Protein backbone atom coordinates (compact mmCIF):
# COMPACT_ATOMS: atom_id res chain seq x y z
CA UNK A 1 -56.11 78.67 -43.53
CA UNK A 2 -53.41 78.45 -40.76
CA UNK A 3 -54.45 78.25 -37.28
CA UNK A 4 -52.37 79.52 -33.98
CA UNK A 5 -51.19 76.48 -31.84
CA UNK A 6 -50.00 76.35 -28.39
CA UNK A 7 -46.91 74.46 -27.32
CA UNK A 8 -47.98 71.41 -25.52
CA UNK A 9 -46.35 71.15 -22.32
CA UNK A 10 -47.05 69.14 -19.41
CA UNK A 11 -59.82 115.39 -56.12
CA UNK A 12 -58.34 118.90 -54.62
CA UNK A 13 -56.35 121.67 -56.44
CA UNK A 14 -53.37 120.99 -54.09
CA UNK A 15 -53.20 117.53 -55.01
CA UNK A 16 -49.49 115.95 -55.85
CA UNK A 17 -48.88 114.43 -59.34
CA UNK A 18 -48.73 110.69 -59.17
CA UNK A 19 -44.86 110.67 -59.39
CA UNK A 20 -44.76 112.85 -56.44
CA UNK A 21 -47.23 110.48 -54.38
CA UNK A 22 -45.24 107.59 -55.21
CA UNK A 23 -41.97 109.15 -54.00
CA UNK A 24 -43.76 110.22 -50.58
CA UNK A 25 -45.56 106.91 -50.25
CA UNK A 26 -41.84 105.45 -50.66
CA UNK A 27 -40.40 107.88 -48.10
CA UNK A 28 -42.67 107.19 -45.42
CA UNK A 29 -42.00 103.54 -46.17
CA UNK A 30 -38.59 104.23 -45.35
CA UNK A 31 -39.67 106.26 -42.08
CA UNK A 32 -41.60 103.55 -40.88
CA UNK A 33 -38.64 101.33 -41.01
CA UNK A 34 -36.27 104.12 -39.31
CA UNK A 35 -35.61 101.49 -36.68
CA UNK A 36 -34.68 98.49 -38.88
CA UNK A 37 -31.29 97.76 -40.29
CA UNK A 38 -30.08 100.83 -42.37
CA UNK A 39 -27.80 98.36 -44.61
CA UNK A 40 -30.54 96.10 -45.68
CA UNK A 41 -33.97 96.55 -46.54
CA UNK A 42 -36.46 93.79 -47.24
CA UNK A 43 -39.77 93.52 -49.01
CA UNK A 44 -42.71 92.12 -46.83
CA UNK A 45 -42.62 88.85 -49.14
CA UNK A 46 -38.63 88.68 -48.48
CA UNK A 47 -39.37 88.74 -44.84
CA UNK A 48 -42.11 86.28 -45.17
CA UNK A 49 -39.95 83.75 -46.96
CA UNK A 50 -36.91 84.25 -44.69
CA UNK A 51 -39.24 83.61 -41.49
CA UNK A 52 -40.31 80.46 -43.47
CA UNK A 53 -36.80 78.97 -44.40
CA UNK A 54 -35.43 76.42 -42.38
CA UNK A 55 -31.74 78.03 -41.65
CA UNK A 56 -29.37 75.43 -42.57
CA UNK A 57 -31.64 73.20 -44.90
CA UNK A 58 -32.25 76.51 -46.98
CA UNK A 59 -36.02 75.31 -47.67
CA UNK A 60 -39.38 75.66 -46.52
CA UNK A 61 -41.54 73.01 -44.80
CA UNK A 62 -42.75 70.51 -47.46
CA UNK A 63 -46.05 70.54 -45.42
CA UNK A 64 -46.45 74.20 -45.77
CA UNK A 65 -49.11 74.64 -48.42
CA UNK A 66 -49.93 78.43 -47.42
CA UNK A 67 -46.67 80.28 -48.15
CA UNK A 68 -47.45 80.50 -51.48
CA UNK A 69 -50.60 82.43 -51.33
CA UNK A 70 -49.06 84.31 -48.49
CA UNK A 71 -46.68 85.45 -50.44
CA UNK A 72 -48.90 86.87 -52.99
CA UNK A 73 -50.95 88.51 -50.37
CA UNK A 74 -47.73 90.23 -49.32
CA UNK A 75 -47.33 91.91 -52.87
CA UNK A 76 -50.82 93.18 -52.64
CA UNK A 77 -49.76 94.81 -49.23
CA UNK A 78 -46.66 96.05 -50.24
CA UNK A 79 -47.90 97.90 -53.23
CA UNK A 80 -50.70 99.41 -51.11
CA UNK A 81 -48.35 100.61 -48.92
CA UNK A 82 -46.03 101.94 -51.47
CA UNK A 83 -48.98 103.94 -52.89
CA UNK A 84 -49.61 101.65 -56.12
CA UNK A 85 -52.90 100.30 -55.36
CA UNK A 86 -55.85 100.68 -53.22
CA UNK A 87 -59.25 99.46 -52.46
CA UNK A 88 -62.34 101.20 -54.35
CA UNK A 89 -64.11 103.75 -52.17
CA UNK A 90 -66.61 102.34 -49.67
CA UNK A 91 -70.19 102.61 -50.72
CA UNK A 92 -73.76 101.45 -49.49
CA UNK A 93 -73.67 98.64 -51.90
CA UNK A 94 -70.00 97.67 -51.56
CA UNK A 95 -69.35 97.93 -47.70
CA UNK A 96 -67.53 94.59 -47.24
CA UNK A 97 -63.91 94.56 -47.95
CA UNK A 98 -64.02 91.45 -49.91
CA UNK A 99 -66.44 93.07 -52.17
CA UNK A 100 -64.32 95.87 -52.84
CA UNK A 101 -62.11 95.91 -55.93
CA UNK A 102 -58.53 96.47 -56.29
CA UNK A 103 -57.75 99.84 -58.12
CA UNK A 104 -54.75 100.79 -59.56
CA UNK A 105 -53.42 104.08 -58.24
CA UNK A 106 -50.05 104.79 -60.08
CA UNK A 107 -48.11 102.44 -62.32
CA UNK A 108 -44.82 104.13 -61.63
CA UNK A 109 -42.24 101.32 -61.14
CA UNK A 110 -41.39 100.14 -57.70
CA UNK A 111 -37.77 98.68 -58.45
CA UNK A 112 -38.70 95.42 -57.66
CA UNK A 113 -39.54 92.83 -60.35
CA UNK A 114 -42.23 90.87 -58.79
CA UNK A 115 -44.08 94.05 -57.58
CA UNK A 116 -43.88 95.73 -61.13
CA UNK A 117 -44.86 92.39 -62.81
CA UNK A 118 -48.08 92.63 -60.61
CA UNK A 119 -48.75 96.19 -61.15
CA UNK A 120 -48.72 95.10 -64.71
CA UNK A 121 -51.39 92.58 -64.72
CA UNK A 122 -53.65 94.66 -62.39
CA UNK A 123 -53.22 97.45 -64.95
CA UNK A 124 -54.04 94.77 -68.12
CA UNK A 125 -57.19 93.69 -66.46
CA UNK A 126 -60.36 94.88 -68.40
CA UNK A 127 -62.27 94.72 -65.23
CA UNK A 128 -61.26 95.21 -61.25
CA UNK A 129 -60.70 92.36 -59.40
CA UNK A 130 -61.09 91.76 -55.59
CA UNK A 131 -58.36 91.13 -53.31
CA UNK A 132 -59.22 87.27 -52.74
CA UNK A 133 -59.66 86.89 -56.70
CA UNK A 134 -56.31 88.61 -56.94
CA UNK A 135 -54.47 86.44 -54.53
CA UNK A 136 -56.09 83.33 -56.66
CA UNK A 137 -55.06 84.53 -59.93
CA UNK A 138 -51.57 85.32 -58.98
CA UNK A 139 -51.19 81.90 -57.40
CA UNK A 140 -52.90 80.40 -60.32
CA UNK A 141 -55.91 79.00 -58.70
CA UNK A 142 -58.41 79.80 -61.19
CA UNK A 143 -60.44 77.66 -63.61
CA UNK A 144 -60.55 80.42 -66.31
CA UNK A 145 -57.98 79.70 -68.77
CA UNK A 146 -57.90 83.07 -70.11
CA UNK A 147 -56.62 84.37 -66.88
CA UNK A 148 -53.68 82.01 -66.20
CA UNK A 149 -51.78 84.55 -67.73
CA UNK A 150 -51.89 86.57 -64.58
CA UNK A 151 -50.11 83.80 -62.54
CA UNK A 152 -46.78 84.88 -61.15
CA UNK A 153 -44.53 81.96 -61.55
CA UNK A 154 -41.33 80.75 -59.16
CA UNK A 155 -42.45 83.23 -56.83
CA UNK A 156 -40.06 81.48 -54.05
CA UNK A 157 -37.00 81.08 -55.96
CA UNK A 158 -36.87 84.62 -57.16
CA UNK A 159 -37.72 86.08 -53.80
CA UNK A 160 -34.86 83.63 -52.50
CA UNK A 161 -32.53 84.97 -55.19
CA UNK A 162 -33.24 88.75 -54.35
CA UNK A 163 -32.13 87.58 -50.73
CA UNK A 164 -28.90 86.10 -52.17
CA UNK A 165 -28.21 89.17 -53.96
CA UNK A 166 -28.70 91.24 -50.45
CA UNK A 167 -26.37 88.70 -48.73
CA UNK A 168 -28.61 87.36 -46.51
CA UNK A 169 -29.28 83.60 -48.30
CA UNK A 170 -26.73 81.66 -50.03
CA UNK A 171 -27.51 79.10 -53.05
CA UNK A 172 -26.43 75.30 -52.68
CA UNK A 173 -27.63 72.02 -54.31
CA UNK A 174 -28.77 68.99 -52.38
CA UNK A 175 -29.51 65.69 -53.58
CA UNK A 176 -32.91 64.16 -52.51
CA UNK A 177 -32.79 60.67 -53.60
CA UNK A 178 -34.27 61.04 -57.09
CA UNK A 179 -33.70 64.62 -57.83
CA UNK A 180 -31.55 67.60 -56.97
CA UNK A 181 -32.88 71.01 -55.54
CA UNK A 182 -31.46 74.37 -55.17
CA UNK A 183 -31.69 75.44 -51.77
CA UNK A 184 -31.16 78.66 -50.08
CA UNK A 185 -29.38 78.51 -46.65
CA UNK A 186 -29.17 81.48 -44.41
CA UNK A 187 -25.99 83.08 -44.56
CA UNK A 188 -26.53 86.04 -42.54
CA UNK A 189 -28.18 84.82 -39.22
CA UNK A 190 -27.94 88.43 -37.84
CA UNK A 191 -30.70 89.85 -40.24
CA UNK A 192 -33.14 87.00 -39.57
CA UNK A 193 -32.44 87.09 -35.97
CA UNK A 194 -33.29 91.08 -36.11
CA UNK A 195 -36.20 90.30 -38.05
CA UNK A 196 -37.51 87.59 -35.49
CA UNK A 197 -36.88 89.82 -32.44
CA UNK A 198 -38.79 92.75 -34.08
CA UNK A 199 -41.81 90.37 -34.21
CA UNK A 200 -41.13 89.06 -30.71
CA UNK A 201 -40.90 92.52 -29.15
CA UNK A 202 -44.02 93.57 -30.84
CA UNK A 203 -46.13 90.97 -28.90
CA UNK A 204 -44.27 91.34 -25.89
CA UNK A 205 -42.06 94.28 -24.66
CA UNK A 206 -43.73 96.68 -27.39
CA UNK A 207 -46.99 95.02 -27.19
CA UNK A 208 -49.62 98.02 -27.48
CA UNK A 209 -53.10 95.93 -27.56
CA UNK A 210 -54.16 98.41 -30.31
CA UNK A 211 -53.78 97.62 -33.88
CA UNK A 212 -54.15 101.33 -34.79
CA UNK A 213 -50.83 102.33 -32.77
CA UNK A 214 -48.89 99.43 -34.27
CA UNK A 215 -46.55 100.14 -37.16
CA UNK A 216 -47.87 99.23 -40.39
CA UNK A 217 -45.48 97.02 -41.61
CA UNK A 218 -45.11 95.10 -38.45
CA UNK A 219 -48.90 94.35 -38.58
CA UNK A 220 -48.72 93.70 -41.94
CA UNK A 221 -45.92 90.88 -41.34
CA UNK A 222 -48.10 89.35 -38.24
CA UNK A 223 -50.90 89.08 -40.76
CA UNK A 224 -48.87 87.54 -43.59
CA UNK A 225 -46.76 85.25 -41.25
CA UNK A 226 -49.93 83.90 -39.95
CA UNK A 227 -51.56 83.11 -43.14
CA UNK A 228 -48.12 81.60 -44.35
CA UNK A 229 -48.13 79.28 -41.65
CA UNK A 230 -44.78 80.69 -40.19
CA UNK A 231 -45.82 82.66 -37.44
CA UNK A 232 -44.81 79.95 -34.83
CA UNK A 233 -41.27 79.80 -36.29
CA UNK A 234 -41.02 83.26 -34.66
CA UNK A 235 -41.74 82.27 -31.24
CA UNK A 236 -40.37 78.98 -31.21
CA UNK A 237 -37.06 80.15 -29.51
CA UNK A 238 -39.09 81.88 -26.53
CA UNK A 239 -39.40 80.39 -23.16
CA UNK A 240 -42.87 78.48 -22.82
CA UNK A 241 -44.52 81.50 -20.78
CA UNK A 242 -43.42 84.27 -23.30
CA UNK A 243 -44.08 81.94 -25.97
CA UNK A 244 -47.68 81.29 -24.45
CA UNK A 245 -48.30 85.20 -24.02
CA UNK A 246 -47.11 86.11 -27.42
CA UNK A 247 -49.46 83.40 -28.98
CA UNK A 248 -52.37 84.31 -27.03
CA UNK A 249 -51.74 87.77 -28.18
CA UNK A 250 -51.52 86.94 -31.55
CA UNK A 251 -54.67 85.15 -31.39
CA UNK A 252 -56.40 88.15 -30.14
CA UNK A 253 -54.94 90.58 -32.89
CA UNK A 254 -55.75 88.32 -35.84
CA UNK A 255 -59.29 87.35 -34.42
CA UNK A 256 -60.23 90.84 -34.44
CA UNK A 257 -63.08 91.56 -37.27
CA UNK A 258 -61.29 93.11 -40.33
CA UNK A 259 -64.41 94.73 -41.05
CA UNK A 260 -64.58 96.63 -37.83
CA UNK A 261 -60.80 97.42 -37.89
CA UNK A 262 -60.50 98.68 -41.59
CA UNK A 263 -62.45 101.98 -41.42
CA UNK A 264 -60.30 102.77 -38.31
CA UNK A 265 -57.09 102.18 -39.99
CA UNK A 266 -55.20 105.20 -42.34
CA UNK A 267 -53.71 103.15 -44.81
CA UNK A 268 -53.91 99.82 -43.40
CA UNK A 269 -57.05 98.63 -45.41
CA UNK A 270 -55.23 96.47 -47.55
CA UNK A 271 -53.65 94.54 -44.75
CA UNK A 272 -57.04 94.03 -43.24
CA UNK A 273 -58.55 92.87 -46.81
CA UNK A 274 -55.92 90.46 -47.29
CA UNK A 275 -56.45 89.04 -43.48
CA UNK A 276 -60.26 88.72 -44.41
CA UNK A 277 -59.40 86.91 -47.78
CA UNK A 278 -57.37 84.48 -45.63
CA UNK A 279 -59.91 83.99 -43.04
CA UNK A 280 -62.54 83.29 -45.72
CA UNK A 281 -60.50 80.63 -47.54
């Protein structure tokens, strides 16, 4: 699990059919990003990877061992925000977020290959699994050989290719002494700067000091950036005083108890469940 560091200084009759609910969820998703770029729409996974990539080199830090599981957590949150999955209802026996299973709400295609592959895995399981278990299964961190089929492979490269198709990254080959590696330098710096600015402002000029009042996708991205150990990249360009303020506010937000916050948050349970899973790992 990552830590925040500081810069050293000196059922009803009017229920909509699933397809209509999915359309409404996707429309709400678009409404939440109304202030974002209208030309380029990114998934949470694409945003996390973009934040983690070195602009010129085109690869993530070799020392970052958190981003793989962070991207899988992003897949679960993205599916929940799109109305495809949800946590099972809270009961007396299952009150904790990490005890509640992930349920398939709709298997309608999202149009994203990774999201749809994950939907098929969730649909194919004989018994429902928890958020933490799904992150482990999708990452391939399981001792059960019969469940290795649920691992998502080449996730970073597949997400990077999506960003290449969207004109944000490019593809190059770099030689590292003993081997060649495909890299994806940033070709559209404006889009990455927009993303960084949005997160910086959420902790500074637009700070609301209440996660319930935050845009759900912004909250999700902060949680995922922290879990993927790329949050410090977001604030690195700030002056020392703003950097400290943003990091302190981020710490206060991420130190909140997910079990307390989740019941307050309409449509954000999965975000808090993912944070709880990473807090435990």
